Amino acid sequence: MLKNEKGLVYLDDKMMNALFDCVYGLDGCSSSQTKEFLKEDWFKDFIRMLFTMQEFNYRYRYEQISGLFPLFEETVGPMEVNSDGTALWLALGLAIKELYGFRKKTLKDLLEKVKVKK
């Protein structure tokens, strides 16, 4: 597992796709790459931490997550307005952005790597 200078998981295309493969919870993960990552405790702990942040964002930070909607539309693809599923995608994106201290441009570059469609 590669780590960045902050000791966090390095976010490449495989990792970004694995994270969004789990956007609806660990039971919804379906790709073989994600299943390989799930064999490692570090990934399970990392994704659980992101789930906690995602849940908080989803429940209490609607204004902040809705601000990411255009960015997700541009990168990940068309998303439904006022959908719980969309809100979970946005909430996870906000969790990643804030945990890593990314600017919107950096998050955009990473989201362009996401090929998962759910």
PDB file of N, CA and C in Angstrom:
ATOM      1  N   MET A   1       0.843  -1.177   0.000  1.00  0.00           N
ATOM      2  CA  MET A   1       0.000   0.000   0.000  1.00  0.00           C
ATOM      3  C   MET A   1       0.889   1.241   0.000  1.00  0.00           C
ATOM      4  N   LEU A   2       0.630   2.104  -0.929  1.00  0.00           N
ATOM      5  CA  LEU A   2       1.377   3.354  -0.980  1.00  0.00           C
ATOM      6  C   LEU A   2       0.708   4.387  -0.083  1.00  0.00           C
ATOM      7  N   LYS A   3       1.545   5.166   0.590  1.00  0.00           N
ATOM      8  CA  LYS A   3       1.041   6.240   1.437  1.00  0.00           C
ATOM      9  C   LYS A   3       1.627   7.560   0.950  1.00  0.00           C
ATOM     10  N   ASN A   4       0.889   8.632   1.206  1.00  0.00           N
ATOM     11  CA  ASN A   4       1.407   9.953   0.863  1.00  0.00           C
ATOM     12  C   ASN A   4       2.205  10.515   2.039  1.00  0.00           C
ATOM     13  N   GLU A   5       2.656  11.754   1.915  1.00  0.00           N
ATOM     14  CA  GLU A   5       3.486  12.364   2.966  1.00  0.00           C
ATOM     15  C   GLU A   5       2.741  12.576   4.277  1.00  0.00           C
ATOM     16  N   LYS A   6       1.405  12.521   4.243  1.00  0.00           N
ATOM     17  CA  LYS A   6       0.602  12.662   5.465  1.00  0.00           C
ATOM     18  C   LYS A   6       0.297  11.313   6.111  1.00  0.00           C
ATOM     19  N   GLY A   7       0.809  10.240   5.503  1.00  0.00           N
ATOM     20  CA  GLY A   7       0.554   8.905   6.028  1.00  0.00           C
ATOM     21  C   GLY A   7      -0.804   8.348   5.628  1.00  0.00           C
ATOM     22  N   LEU A   8      -1.446   9.005   4.655  1.00  0.00           N
ATOM     23  CA  LEU A   8      -2.739   8.536   4.166  1.00  0.00           C
ATOM     24  C   LEU A   8      -2.543   7.717   2.894  1.00  0.00           C
ATOM     25  N   VAL A   9      -3.527   6.903   2.590  1.00  0.00           N
ATOM     26  CA  VAL A   9      -3.493   6.073   1.399  1.00  0.00           C
ATOM     27  C   VAL A   9      -3.341   6.951   0.162  1.00  0.00           C
ATOM     28  N   TYR A  10      -2.417   6.568  -0.719  1.00  0.00           N
ATOM     29  CA  TYR A  10      -2.232   7.284  -1.979  1.00  0.00           C
ATOM     30  C   TYR A  10      -3.435   6.985  -2.874  1.00  0.00           C
ATOM     31  N   LEU A  11      -4.055   8.024  -3.397  1.00  0.00           N
ATOM     32  CA  LEU A  11      -5.273   7.871  -4.184  1.00  0.00           C
ATOM     33  C   LEU A  11      -4.957   7.827  -5.683  1.00  0.00           C
ATOM     34  N   ASP A  12      -4.821   6.614  -6.188  1.00  0.00           N
ATOM     35  CA  ASP A  12      -4.657   6.435  -7.625  1.00  0.00           C
ATOM     36  C   ASP A  12      -5.987   5.967  -8.206  1.00  0.00           C
ATOM     37  N   ASP A  13      -5.996   5.598  -9.480  1.00  0.00           N
ATOM     38  CA  ASP A  13      -7.254   5.203 -10.104  1.00  0.00           C
ATOM     39  C   ASP A  13      -7.857   3.957  -9.459  1.00  0.00           C
ATOM     40  N   LYS A  14      -7.035   2.983  -9.095  1.00  0.00           N
ATOM     41  CA  LYS A  14      -7.553   1.765  -8.455  1.00  0.00           C
ATOM     42  C   LYS A  14      -8.194   2.077  -7.108  1.00  0.00           C
ATOM     43  N   MET A  15      -7.537   2.912  -6.326  1.00  0.00           N
ATOM     44  CA  MET A  15      -8.066   3.238  -5.005  1.00  0.00           C
ATOM     45  C   MET A  15      -9.342   4.073  -5.112  1.00  0.00           C
ATOM     46  N   MET A  16      -9.359   5.055  -5.996  1.00  0.00           N
ATOM     47  CA  MET A  16     -10.560   5.881  -6.160  1.00  0.00           C
ATOM     48  C   MET A  16     -11.754   5.032  -6.597  1.00  0.00           C
ATOM     49  N   ASN A  17     -11.528   4.105  -7.516  1.00  0.00           N
ATOM     50  CA  ASN A  17     -12.614   3.233  -7.950  1.00  0.00           C
ATOM     51  C   ASN A  17     -13.069   2.301  -6.834  1.00  0.00           C
ATOM     52  N   ALA A  18     -12.124   1.825  -6.029  1.00  0.00           N
ATOM     53  CA  ALA A  18     -12.488   0.968  -4.888  1.00  0.00           C
ATOM     54  C   ALA A  18     -13.311   1.740  -3.866  1.00  0.00           C
ATOM     55  N   LEU A  19     -12.920   2.977  -3.592  1.00  0.00           N
ATOM     56  CA  LEU A  19     -13.662   3.770  -2.610  1.00  0.00           C
ATOM     57  C   LEU A  19     -15.094   4.017  -3.071  1.00  0.00           C
ATOM     58  N   PHE A  20     -15.259   4.389  -4.324  1.00  0.00           N
ATOM     59  CA  PHE A  20     -16.607   4.661  -4.815  1.00  0.00           C
ATOM     60  C   PHE A  20     -17.376   3.376  -5.145  1.00  0.00           C
ATOM     61  N   ASP A  21     -16.677   2.261  -5.265  1.00  0.00           N
ATOM     62  CA  ASP A  21     -17.354   0.966  -5.373  1.00  0.00           C
ATOM     63  C   ASP A  21     -18.079   0.666  -4.062  1.00  0.00           C
ATOM     64  N   CYS A  22     -17.580   1.216  -2.971  1.00  0.00           N
ATOM     65  CA  CYS A  22     -18.156   0.999  -1.636  1.00  0.00           C
ATOM     66  C   CYS A  22     -19.025   2.163  -1.172  1.00  0.00           C
ATOM     67  N   VAL A  23     -19.392   3.057  -2.070  1.00  0.00           N
ATOM     68  CA  VAL A  23     -20.095   4.285  -1.688  1.00  0.00           C
ATOM     69  C   VAL A  23     -21.372   4.012  -0.895  1.00  0.00           C
ATOM     70  N   TYR A  24     -22.021   2.861  -1.117  1.00  0.00           N
ATOM     71  CA  TYR A  24     -23.256   2.534  -0.406  1.00  0.00           C
ATOM     72  C   TYR A  24     -23.027   1.565   0.752  1.00  0.00           C
ATOM     73  N   GLY A  25     -21.777   1.298   1.083  1.00  0.00           N
ATOM     74  CA  GLY A  25     -21.457   0.402   2.184  1.00  0.00           C
ATOM     75  C   GLY A  25     -20.638  -0.789   1.727  1.00  0.00           C
ATOM     76  N   LEU A  26     -20.042  -1.476   2.674  1.00  0.00           N
ATOM     77  CA  LEU A  26     -19.165  -2.608   2.351  1.00  0.00           C
ATOM     78  C   LEU A  26     -19.906  -3.748   1.668  1.00  0.00           C
ATOM     79  N   ASP A  27     -21.186  -3.911   1.965  1.00  0.00           N
ATOM     80  CA  ASP A  27     -21.951  -4.988   1.341  1.00  0.00           C
ATOM     81  C   ASP A  27     -22.166  -4.755  -0.150  1.00  0.00           C
ATOM     82  N   GLY A  28     -22.044  -3.501  -0.592  1.00  0.00           N
ATOM     83  CA  GLY A  28     -22.276  -3.181  -1.989  1.00  0.00           C
ATOM     84  C   GLY A  28     -21.043  -3.231  -2.865  1.00  0.00           C
ATOM     85  N   CYS A  29     -19.900  -3.529  -2.286  1.00  0.00           N
ATOM     86  CA  CYS A  29     -18.655  -3.573  -3.054  1.00  0.00           C
ATOM     87  C   CYS A  29     -18.675  -4.793  -3.973  1.00  0.00           C
ATOM     88  N   SER A  30     -18.375  -4.583  -5.248  1.00  0.00           N
ATOM     89  CA  SER A  30     -18.508  -5.699  -6.181  1.00  0.00           C
ATOM     90  C   SER A  30     -17.282  -5.969  -7.047  1.00  0.00           C
ATOM     91  N   SER A  31     -16.393  -5.019  -7.216  1.00  0.00           N
ATOM     92  CA  SER A  31     -15.262  -5.256  -8.123  1.00  0.00           C
ATOM     93  C   SER A  31     -14.233  -6.182  -7.479  1.00  0.00           C
ATOM     94  N   SER A  32     -13.526  -6.903  -8.331  1.00  0.00           N
ATOM     95  CA  SER A  32     -12.499  -7.825  -7.826  1.00  0.00           C
ATOM     96  C   SER A  32     -11.368  -7.058  -7.137  1.00  0.00           C
ATOM     97  N   GLN A  33     -11.020  -5.862  -7.653  1.00  0.00           N
ATOM     98  CA  GLN A  33      -9.979  -5.042  -7.037  1.00  0.00           C
ATOM     99  C   GLN A  33     -10.388  -4.627  -5.625  1.00  0.00           C
ATOM    100  N   THR A  34     -11.632  -4.212  -5.472  1.00  0.00           N
ATOM    101  CA  THR A  34     -12.127  -3.804  -4.154  1.00  0.00           C
ATOM    102  C   THR A  34     -12.107  -4.987  -3.200  1.00  0.00           C
ATOM    103  N   LYS A  35     -12.508  -6.137  -3.667  1.00  0.00           N
ATOM    104  CA  LYS A  35     -12.506  -7.340  -2.820  1.00  0.00           C
ATOM    105  C   LYS A  35     -11.095  -7.693  -2.369  1.00  0.00           C
ATOM    106  N   GLU A  36     -10.117  -7.462  -3.242  1.00  0.00           N
ATOM    107  CA  GLU A  36      -8.712  -7.676  -2.849  1.00  0.00           C
ATOM    108  C   GLU A  36      -8.309  -6.684  -1.759  1.00  0.00           C
ATOM    109  N   PHE A  37      -8.659  -5.415  -1.946  1.00  0.00           N
ATOM    110  CA  PHE A  37      -8.344  -4.406  -0.927  1.00  0.00           C
ATOM    111  C   PHE A  37      -9.016  -4.750   0.407  1.00  0.00           C
ATOM    112  N   LEU A  38     -10.233  -5.277   0.359  1.00  0.00           N
ATOM    113  CA  LEU A  38     -10.977  -5.590   1.581  1.00  0.00           C
ATOM    114  C   LEU A  38     -10.357  -6.715   2.402  1.00  0.00           C
ATOM    115  N   LYS A  39      -9.432  -7.441   1.814  1.00  0.00           N
ATOM    116  CA  LYS A  39      -8.711  -8.480   2.563  1.00  0.00           C
ATOM    117  C   LYS A  39      -7.710  -7.864   3.534  1.00  0.00           C
ATOM    118  N   GLU A  40      -7.418  -6.595   3.339  1.00  0.00           N
ATOM    119  CA  GLU A  40      -6.436  -5.893   4.165  1.00  0.00           C
ATOM    120  C   GLU A  40      -7.135  -5.052   5.234  1.00  0.00           C
ATOM    121  N   ASP A  41      -6.677  -5.201   6.470  1.00  0.00           N
ATOM    122  CA  ASP A  41      -7.269  -4.435   7.570  1.00  0.00           C
ATOM    123  C   ASP A  41      -7.151  -2.939   7.352  1.00  0.00           C
ATOM    124  N   TRP A  42      -6.028  -2.475   6.785  1.00  0.00           N
ATOM    125  CA  TRP A  42      -5.829  -1.041   6.585  1.00  0.00           C
ATOM    126  C   TRP A  42      -6.915  -0.460   5.703  1.00  0.00           C
ATOM    127  N   PHE A  43      -7.318  -1.204   4.662  1.00  0.00           N
ATOM    128  CA  PHE A  43      -8.355  -0.683   3.772  1.00  0.00           C
ATOM    129  C   PHE A  43      -9.709  -0.658   4.480  1.00  0.00           C
ATOM    130  N   LYS A  44     -10.012  -1.727   5.195  1.00  0.00           N
ATOM    131  CA  LYS A  44     -11.291  -1.755   5.925  1.00  0.00           C
ATOM    132  C   LYS A  44     -11.361  -0.619   6.939  1.00  0.00           C
ATOM    133  N   ASP A  45     -10.288  -0.380   7.665  1.00  0.00           N
ATOM    134  CA  ASP A  45     -10.277   0.712   8.643  1.00  0.00           C
ATOM    135  C   ASP A  45     -10.361   2.075   7.953  1.00  0.00           C
ATOM    136  N   PHE A  46      -9.664   2.216   6.851  1.00  0.00           N
ATOM    137  CA  PHE A  46      -9.679   3.468   6.107  1.00  0.00           C
ATOM    138  C   PHE A  46     -11.079   3.763   5.568  1.00  0.00           C
ATOM    139  N   ILE A  47     -11.710   2.780   4.959  1.00  0.00           N
ATOM    140  CA  ILE A  47     -13.038   3.005   4.390  1.00  0.00           C
ATOM    141  C   ILE A  47     -14.072   3.235   5.490  1.00  0.00           C
ATOM    142  N   ARG A  48     -13.930   2.581   6.618  1.00  0.00           N
ATOM    143  CA  ARG A  48     -14.856   2.826   7.746  1.00  0.00           C
ATOM    144  C   ARG A  48     -14.724   4.259   8.256  1.00  0.00           C
ATOM    145  N   MET A  49     -13.499   4.768   8.303  1.00  0.00           N
ATOM    146  CA  MET A  49     -13.296   6.162   8.707  1.00  0.00           C
ATOM    147  C   MET A  49     -13.987   7.087   7.706  1.00  0.00           C
ATOM    148  N   LEU A  50     -13.800   6.821   6.423  1.00  0.00           N
ATOM    149  CA  LEU A  50     -14.462   7.639   5.398  1.00  0.00           C
ATOM    150  C   LEU A  50     -15.979   7.520   5.483  1.00  0.00           C
ATOM    151  N   PHE A  51     -16.491   6.321   5.801  1.00  0.00           N
ATOM    152  CA  PHE A  51     -17.944   6.147   5.965  1.00  0.00           C
ATOM    153  C   PHE A  51     -18.481   7.023   7.093  1.00  0.00           C
ATOM    154  N   THR A  52     -17.717   7.131   8.170  1.00  0.00           N
ATOM    155  CA  THR A  52     -18.141   7.983   9.289  1.00  0.00           C
ATOM    156  C   THR A  52     -18.221   9.437   8.840  1.00  0.00           C
ATOM    157  N   MET A  53     -17.219   9.877   8.127  1.00  0.00           N
ATOM    158  CA  MET A  53     -17.225  11.253   7.605  1.00  0.00           C
ATOM    159  C   MET A  53     -18.351  11.435   6.580  1.00  0.00           C
ATOM    160  N   GLN A  54     -18.529  10.441   5.727  1.00  0.00           N
ATOM    161  CA  GLN A  54     -19.590  10.486   4.727  1.00  0.00           C
ATOM    162  C   GLN A  54     -20.960  10.618   5.402  1.00  0.00           C
ATOM    163  N   GLU A  55     -21.201   9.820   6.410  1.00  0.00           N
ATOM    164  CA  GLU A  55     -22.489   9.856   7.115  1.00  0.00           C
ATOM    165  C   GLU A  55     -22.733  11.230   7.747  1.00  0.00           C
ATOM    166  N   PHE A  56     -21.719  11.788   8.373  1.00  0.00           N
ATOM    167  CA  PHE A  56     -21.852  13.115   8.974  1.00  0.00           C
ATOM    168  C   PHE A  56     -22.173  14.148   7.894  1.00  0.00           C
ATOM    169  N   ASN A  57     -21.422  14.105   6.803  1.00  0.00           N
ATOM    170  CA  ASN A  57     -21.666  15.034   5.703  1.00  0.00           C
ATOM    171  C   ASN A  57     -23.077  14.876   5.155  1.00  0.00           C
ATOM    172  N   TYR A  58     -23.498  13.645   4.979  1.00  0.00           N
ATOM    173  CA  TYR A  58     -24.826  13.340   4.441  1.00  0.00           C
ATOM    174  C   TYR A  58     -25.937  13.882   5.353  1.00  0.00           C
ATOM    175  N   ARG A  59     -25.758  13.732   6.635  1.00  0.00           N
ATOM    176  CA  ARG A  59     -26.806  14.121   7.584  1.00  0.00           C
ATOM    177  C   ARG A  59     -26.826  15.606   7.912  1.00  0.00           C
ATOM    178  N   TYR A  60     -25.660  16.224   7.962  1.00  0.00           N
ATOM    179  CA  TYR A  60     -25.597  17.570   8.532  1.00  0.00           C
ATOM    180  C   TYR A  60     -24.996  18.643   7.631  1.00  0.00           C
ATOM    181  N   ARG A  61     -24.493  18.280   6.477  1.00  0.00           N
ATOM    182  CA  ARG A  61     -23.764  19.271   5.679  1.00  0.00           C
ATOM    183  C   ARG A  61     -24.296  19.338   4.242  1.00  0.00           C
ATOM    184  N   TYR A  62     -25.602  19.450   4.119  1.00  0.00           N
ATOM    185  CA  TYR A  62     -26.231  19.442   2.803  1.00  0.00           C
ATOM    186  C   TYR A  62     -25.699  20.560   1.901  1.00  0.00           C
ATOM    187  N   GLU A  63     -25.550  21.727   2.451  1.00  0.00           N
ATOM    188  CA  GLU A  63     -25.086  22.859   1.643  1.00  0.00           C
ATOM    189  C   GLU A  63     -23.688  22.594   1.077  1.00  0.00           C
ATOM    190  N   GLN A  64     -22.820  22.021   1.895  1.00  0.00           N
ATOM    191  CA  GLN A  64     -21.455  21.758   1.453  1.00  0.00           C
ATOM    192  C   GLN A  64     -21.414  20.639   0.405  1.00  0.00           C
ATOM    193  N   ILE A  65     -22.206  19.578   0.618  1.00  0.00           N
ATOM    194  CA  ILE A  65     -22.169  18.497  -0.372  1.00  0.00           C
ATOM    195  C   ILE A  65     -22.842  18.923  -1.674  1.00  0.00           C
ATOM    196  N   SER A  66     -23.899  19.707  -1.579  1.00  0.00           N
ATOM    197  CA  SER A  66     -24.576  20.136  -2.810  1.00  0.00           C
ATOM    198  C   SER A  66     -23.668  21.030  -3.655  1.00  0.00           C
ATOM    199  N   GLY A  67     -22.727  21.700  -3.026  1.00  0.00           N
ATOM    200  CA  GLY A  67     -21.773  22.522  -3.756  1.00  0.00           C
ATOM    201  C   GLY A  67     -20.850  21.706  -4.658  1.00  0.00           C
ATOM    202  N   LEU A  68     -20.749  20.400  -4.407  1.00  0.00           N
ATOM    203  CA  LEU A  68     -19.907  19.526  -5.230  1.00  0.00           C
ATOM    204  C   LEU A  68     -20.670  18.922  -6.408  1.00  0.00           C
ATOM    205  N   PHE A  69     -21.981  19.129  -6.458  1.00  0.00           N
ATOM    206  CA  PHE A  69     -22.795  18.518  -7.509  1.00  0.00           C
ATOM    207  C   PHE A  69     -22.271  18.814  -8.916  1.00  0.00           C
ATOM    208  N   PRO A  70     -22.001  20.078  -9.269  1.00  0.00           N
ATOM    209  CA  PRO A  70     -21.509  20.351 -10.626  1.00  0.00           C
ATOM    210  C   PRO A  70     -20.188  19.632 -10.938  1.00  0.00           C
ATOM    211  N   LEU A  71     -19.323  19.528  -9.956  1.00  0.00           N
ATOM    212  CA  LEU A  71     -18.045  18.849 -10.140  1.00  0.00           C
ATOM    213  C   LEU A  71     -18.252  17.364 -10.448  1.00  0.00           C
ATOM    214  N   PHE A  72     -19.164  16.724  -9.733  1.00  0.00           N
ATOM    215  CA  PHE A  72     -19.466  15.313  -9.972  1.00  0.00           C
ATOM    216  C   PHE A  72     -20.156  15.118 -11.316  1.00  0.00           C
ATOM    217  N   GLU A  73     -21.051  16.010 -11.669  1.00  0.00           N
ATOM    218  CA  GLU A  73     -21.729  15.938 -12.962  1.00  0.00           C
ATOM    219  C   GLU A  73     -20.712  15.998 -14.099  1.00  0.00           C
ATOM    220  N   GLU A  74     -19.732  16.836 -13.947  1.00  0.00           N
ATOM    221  CA  GLU A  74     -18.718  17.045 -14.983  1.00  0.00           C
ATOM    222  C   GLU A  74     -17.746  15.872 -15.101  1.00  0.00           C
ATOM    223  N   THR A  75     -17.498  15.185 -14.001  1.00  0.00           N
ATOM    224  CA  THR A  75     -16.459  14.154 -13.994  1.00  0.00           C
ATOM    225  C   THR A  75     -17.019  12.730 -13.979  1.00  0.00           C
ATOM    226  N   VAL A  76     -17.828  12.433 -13.000  1.00  0.00           N
ATOM    227  CA  VAL A  76     -18.341  11.078 -12.822  1.00  0.00           C
ATOM    228  C   VAL A  76     -19.464  10.792 -13.816  1.00  0.00           C
ATOM    229  N   GLY A  77     -20.247  11.807 -14.121  1.00  0.00           N
ATOM    230  CA  GLY A  77     -21.327  11.638 -15.088  1.00  0.00           C
ATOM    231  C   GLY A  77     -22.639  12.166 -14.557  1.00  0.00           C
ATOM    232  N   PRO A  78     -23.680  12.032 -15.335  1.00  0.00           N
ATOM    233  CA  PRO A  78     -24.986  12.549 -14.916  1.00  0.00           C
ATOM    234  C   PRO A  78     -25.430  11.948 -13.589  1.00  0.00           C
ATOM    235  N   MET A  79     -25.962  12.806 -12.743  1.00  0.00           N
ATOM    236  CA  MET A  79     -26.434  12.373 -11.435  1.00  0.00           C
ATOM    237  C   MET A  79     -27.836  12.923 -11.227  1.00  0.00           C
ATOM    238  N   GLU A  80     -28.617  12.195 -10.462  1.00  0.00           N
ATOM    239  CA  GLU A  80     -29.975  12.634 -10.168  1.00  0.00           C
ATOM    240  C   GLU A  80     -29.950  13.742  -9.121  1.00  0.00           C
ATOM    241  N   VAL A  81     -30.794  14.720  -9.322  1.00  0.00           N
ATOM    242  CA  VAL A  81     -30.957  15.794  -8.347  1.00  0.00           C
ATOM    243  C   VAL A  81     -31.868  15.277  -7.228  1.00  0.00           C
ATOM    244  N   ASN A  82     -31.601  15.663  -6.008  1.00  0.00           N
ATOM    245  CA  ASN A  82     -32.418  15.282  -4.847  1.00  0.00           C
ATOM    246  C   ASN A  82     -32.554  13.771  -4.678  1.00  0.00           C
ATOM    247  N   SER A  83     -31.459  13.065  -4.857  1.00  0.00           N
ATOM    248  CA  SER A  83     -31.424  11.616  -4.698  1.00  0.00           C
ATOM    249  C   SER A  83     -30.533  11.270  -3.513  1.00  0.00           C
ATOM    250  N   ASP A  84     -30.964  10.307  -2.722  1.00  0.00           N
ATOM    251  CA  ASP A  84     -30.136   9.852  -1.607  1.00  0.00           C
ATOM    252  C   ASP A  84     -28.820   9.271  -2.115  1.00  0.00           C
ATOM    253  N   GLY A  85     -28.883   8.544  -3.230  1.00  0.00           N
ATOM    254  CA  GLY A  85     -27.663   7.972  -3.803  1.00  0.00           C
ATOM    255  C   GLY A  85     -26.676   9.042  -4.206  1.00  0.00           C
ATOM    256  N   THR A  86     -27.167  10.071  -4.880  1.00  0.00           N
ATOM    257  CA  THR A  86     -26.297  11.182  -5.266  1.00  0.00           C
ATOM    258  C   THR A  86     -25.707  11.847  -4.039  1.00  0.00           C
ATOM    259  N   ALA A  87     -26.530  12.053  -3.020  1.00  0.00           N
ATOM    260  CA  ALA A  87     -26.050  12.686  -1.788  1.00  0.00           C
ATOM    261  C   ALA A  87     -24.933  11.863  -1.150  1.00  0.00           C
ATOM    262  N   LEU A  88     -25.029  10.536  -1.205  1.00  0.00           N
ATOM    263  CA  LEU A  88     -23.968   9.687  -0.649  1.00  0.00           C
ATOM    264  C   LEU A  88     -22.672   9.816  -1.448  1.00  0.00           C
ATOM    265  N   TRP A  89     -22.778   9.899  -2.773  1.00  0.00           N
ATOM    266  CA  TRP A  89     -21.585  10.119  -3.601  1.00  0.00           C
ATOM    267  C   TRP A  89     -20.935  11.444  -3.241  1.00  0.00           C
ATOM    268  N   LEU A  90     -21.743  12.489  -3.165  1.00  0.00           N
ATOM    269  CA  LEU A  90     -21.216  13.815  -2.849  1.00  0.00           C
ATOM    270  C   LEU A  90     -20.605  13.851  -1.453  1.00  0.00           C
ATOM    271  N   ALA A  91     -21.274  13.198  -0.498  1.00  0.00           N
ATOM    272  CA  ALA A  91     -20.789  13.177   0.884  1.00  0.00           C
ATOM    273  C   ALA A  91     -19.451  12.453   0.987  1.00  0.00           C
ATOM    274  N   LEU A  92     -19.286  11.375   0.221  1.00  0.00           N
ATOM    275  CA  LEU A  92     -17.996  10.674   0.217  1.00  0.00           C
ATOM    276  C   LEU A  92     -16.927  11.538  -0.448  1.00  0.00           C
ATOM    277  N   GLY A  93     -17.292  12.202  -1.524  1.00  0.00           N
ATOM    278  CA  GLY A  93     -16.347  13.106  -2.182  1.00  0.00           C
ATOM    279  C   GLY A  93     -15.878  14.213  -1.257  1.00  0.00           C
ATOM    280  N   LEU A  94     -16.816  14.779  -0.496  1.00  0.00           N
ATOM    281  CA  LEU A  94     -16.455  15.829   0.455  1.00  0.00           C
ATOM    282  C   LEU A  94     -15.550  15.279   1.554  1.00  0.00           C
ATOM    283  N   ALA A  95     -15.829  14.059   1.998  1.00  0.00           N
ATOM    284  CA  ALA A  95     -14.983  13.436   3.028  1.00  0.00           C
ATOM    285  C   ALA A  95     -13.546  13.285   2.526  1.00  0.00           C
ATOM    286  N   ILE A  96     -13.403  12.806   1.306  1.00  0.00           N
ATOM    287  CA  ILE A  96     -12.064  12.643   0.713  1.00  0.00           C
ATOM    288  C   ILE A  96     -11.383  14.005   0.560  1.00  0.00           C
ATOM    289  N   LYS A  97     -12.113  14.954   0.036  1.00  0.00           N
ATOM    290  CA  LYS A  97     -11.569  16.307  -0.188  1.00  0.00           C
ATOM    291  C   LYS A  97     -11.046  16.908   1.111  1.00  0.00           C
ATOM    292  N   GLU A  98     -11.831  16.793   2.159  1.00  0.00           N
ATOM    293  CA  GLU A  98     -11.444  17.428   3.426  1.00  0.00           C
ATOM    294  C   GLU A  98     -10.379  16.645   4.185  1.00  0.00           C
ATOM    295  N   LEU A  99     -10.448  15.325   4.135  1.00  0.00           N
ATOM    296  CA  LEU A  99      -9.433  14.524   4.817  1.00  0.00           C
ATOM    297  C   LEU A  99      -8.045  14.805   4.232  1.00  0.00           C
ATOM    298  N   TYR A 100      -7.974  14.916   2.930  1.00  0.00           N
ATOM    299  CA  TYR A 100      -6.703  15.127   2.253  1.00  0.00           C
ATOM    300  C   TYR A 100      -6.340  16.602   2.085  1.00  0.00           C
ATOM    301  N   GLY A 101      -7.286  17.486   2.362  1.00  0.00           N
ATOM    302  CA  GLY A 101      -7.018  18.910   2.204  1.00  0.00           C
ATOM    303  C   GLY A 101      -6.926  19.329   0.747  1.00  0.00           C
ATOM    304  N   PHE A 102      -7.700  18.656  -0.106  1.00  0.00           N
ATOM    305  CA  PHE A 102      -7.660  18.949  -1.542  1.00  0.00           C
ATOM    306  C   PHE A 102      -8.423  20.222  -1.888  1.00  0.00           C
ATOM    307  N   ARG A 103      -7.974  20.861  -2.936  1.00  0.00           N
ATOM    308  CA  ARG A 103      -8.747  21.918  -3.576  1.00  0.00           C
ATOM    309  C   ARG A 103      -9.710  21.226  -4.536  1.00  0.00           C
ATOM    310  N   LYS A 104     -10.697  21.971  -5.008  1.00  0.00           N
ATOM    311  CA  LYS A 104     -11.669  21.375  -5.935  1.00  0.00           C
ATOM    312  C   LYS A 104     -10.993  20.840  -7.195  1.00  0.00           C
ATOM    313  N   LYS A 105      -9.980  21.516  -7.677  1.00  0.00           N
ATOM    314  CA  LYS A 105      -9.275  21.086  -8.890  1.00  0.00           C
ATOM    315  C   LYS A 105      -8.627  19.717  -8.689  1.00  0.00           C
ATOM    316  N   THR A 106      -8.023  19.497  -7.550  1.00  0.00           N
ATOM    317  CA  THR A 106      -7.385  18.213  -7.268  1.00  0.00           C
ATOM    318  C   THR A 106      -8.446  17.119  -7.159  1.00  0.00           C
ATOM    319  N   LEU A 107      -9.549  17.418  -6.465  1.00  0.00           N
ATOM    320  CA  LEU A 107     -10.634  16.448  -6.372  1.00  0.00           C
ATOM    321  C   LEU A 107     -11.174  16.147  -7.768  1.00  0.00           C
ATOM    322  N   LYS A 108     -11.320  17.146  -8.590  1.00  0.00           N
ATOM    323  CA  LYS A 108     -11.806  16.952  -9.964  1.00  0.00           C
ATOM    324  C   LYS A 108     -10.892  15.993 -10.716  1.00  0.00           C
ATOM    325  N   ASP A 109      -9.593  16.203 -10.624  1.00  0.00           N
ATOM    326  CA  ASP A 109      -8.632  15.331 -11.300  1.00  0.00           C
ATOM    327  C   ASP A 109      -8.782  13.878 -10.837  1.00  0.00           C
ATOM    328  N   LEU A 110      -9.009  13.679  -9.555  1.00  0.00           N
ATOM    329  CA  LEU A 110      -9.185  12.332  -9.026  1.00  0.00           C
ATOM    330  C   LEU A 110     -10.514  11.717  -9.457  1.00  0.00           C
ATOM    331  N   LEU A 111     -11.565  12.528  -9.451  1.00  0.00           N
ATOM    332  CA  LEU A 111     -12.883  12.028  -9.836  1.00  0.00           C
ATOM    333  C   LEU A 111     -12.918  11.603 -11.303  1.00  0.00           C
ATOM    334  N   GLU A 112     -12.090  12.208 -12.115  1.00  0.00           N
ATOM    335  CA  GLU A 112     -12.025  11.820 -13.519  1.00  0.00           C
ATOM    336  C   GLU A 112     -11.510  10.384 -13.686  1.00  0.00           C
ATOM    337  N   LYS A 113     -10.886   9.836 -12.665  1.00  0.00           N
ATOM    338  CA  LYS A 113     -10.385   8.456 -12.701  1.00  0.00           C
ATOM    339  C   LYS A 113     -11.461   7.449 -12.338  1.00  0.00           C
ATOM    340  N   VAL A 114     -12.561   7.916 -11.751  1.00  0.00           N
ATOM    341  CA  VAL A 114     -13.609   7.023 -11.268  1.00  0.00           C
ATOM    342  C   VAL A 114     -14.451   6.530 -12.437  1.00  0.00           C
ATOM    343  N   LYS A 115     -14.472   5.223 -12.612  1.00  0.00           N
ATOM    344  CA  LYS A 115     -15.248   4.600 -13.689  1.00  0.00           C
ATOM    345  C   LYS A 115     -16.423   3.796 -13.138  1.00  0.00           C
ATOM    346  N   VAL A 116     -16.541   3.723 -11.824  1.00  0.00           N
ATOM    347  CA  VAL A 116     -17.619   2.970 -11.177  1.00  0.00           C
ATOM    348  C   VAL A 116     -18.945   3.641 -11.494  1.00  0.00           C
ATOM    349  N   LYS A 117     -19.921   2.851 -11.854  1.00  0.00           N
ATOM    350  CA  LYS A 117     -21.288   3.353 -12.078  1.00  0.00           C
ATOM    351  C   LYS A 117     -22.221   2.519 -11.222  1.00  0.00           C
ATOM    352  N   LYS A 118     -22.962   3.188 -10.349  1.00  0.00           N
ATOM    353  CA  LYS A 118     -23.895   2.470  -9.468  1.00  0.00           C
ATOM    354  C   LYS A 118     -25.230   3.157  -9.485  1.00  0.00           C
TER     355      LYS A 118
END
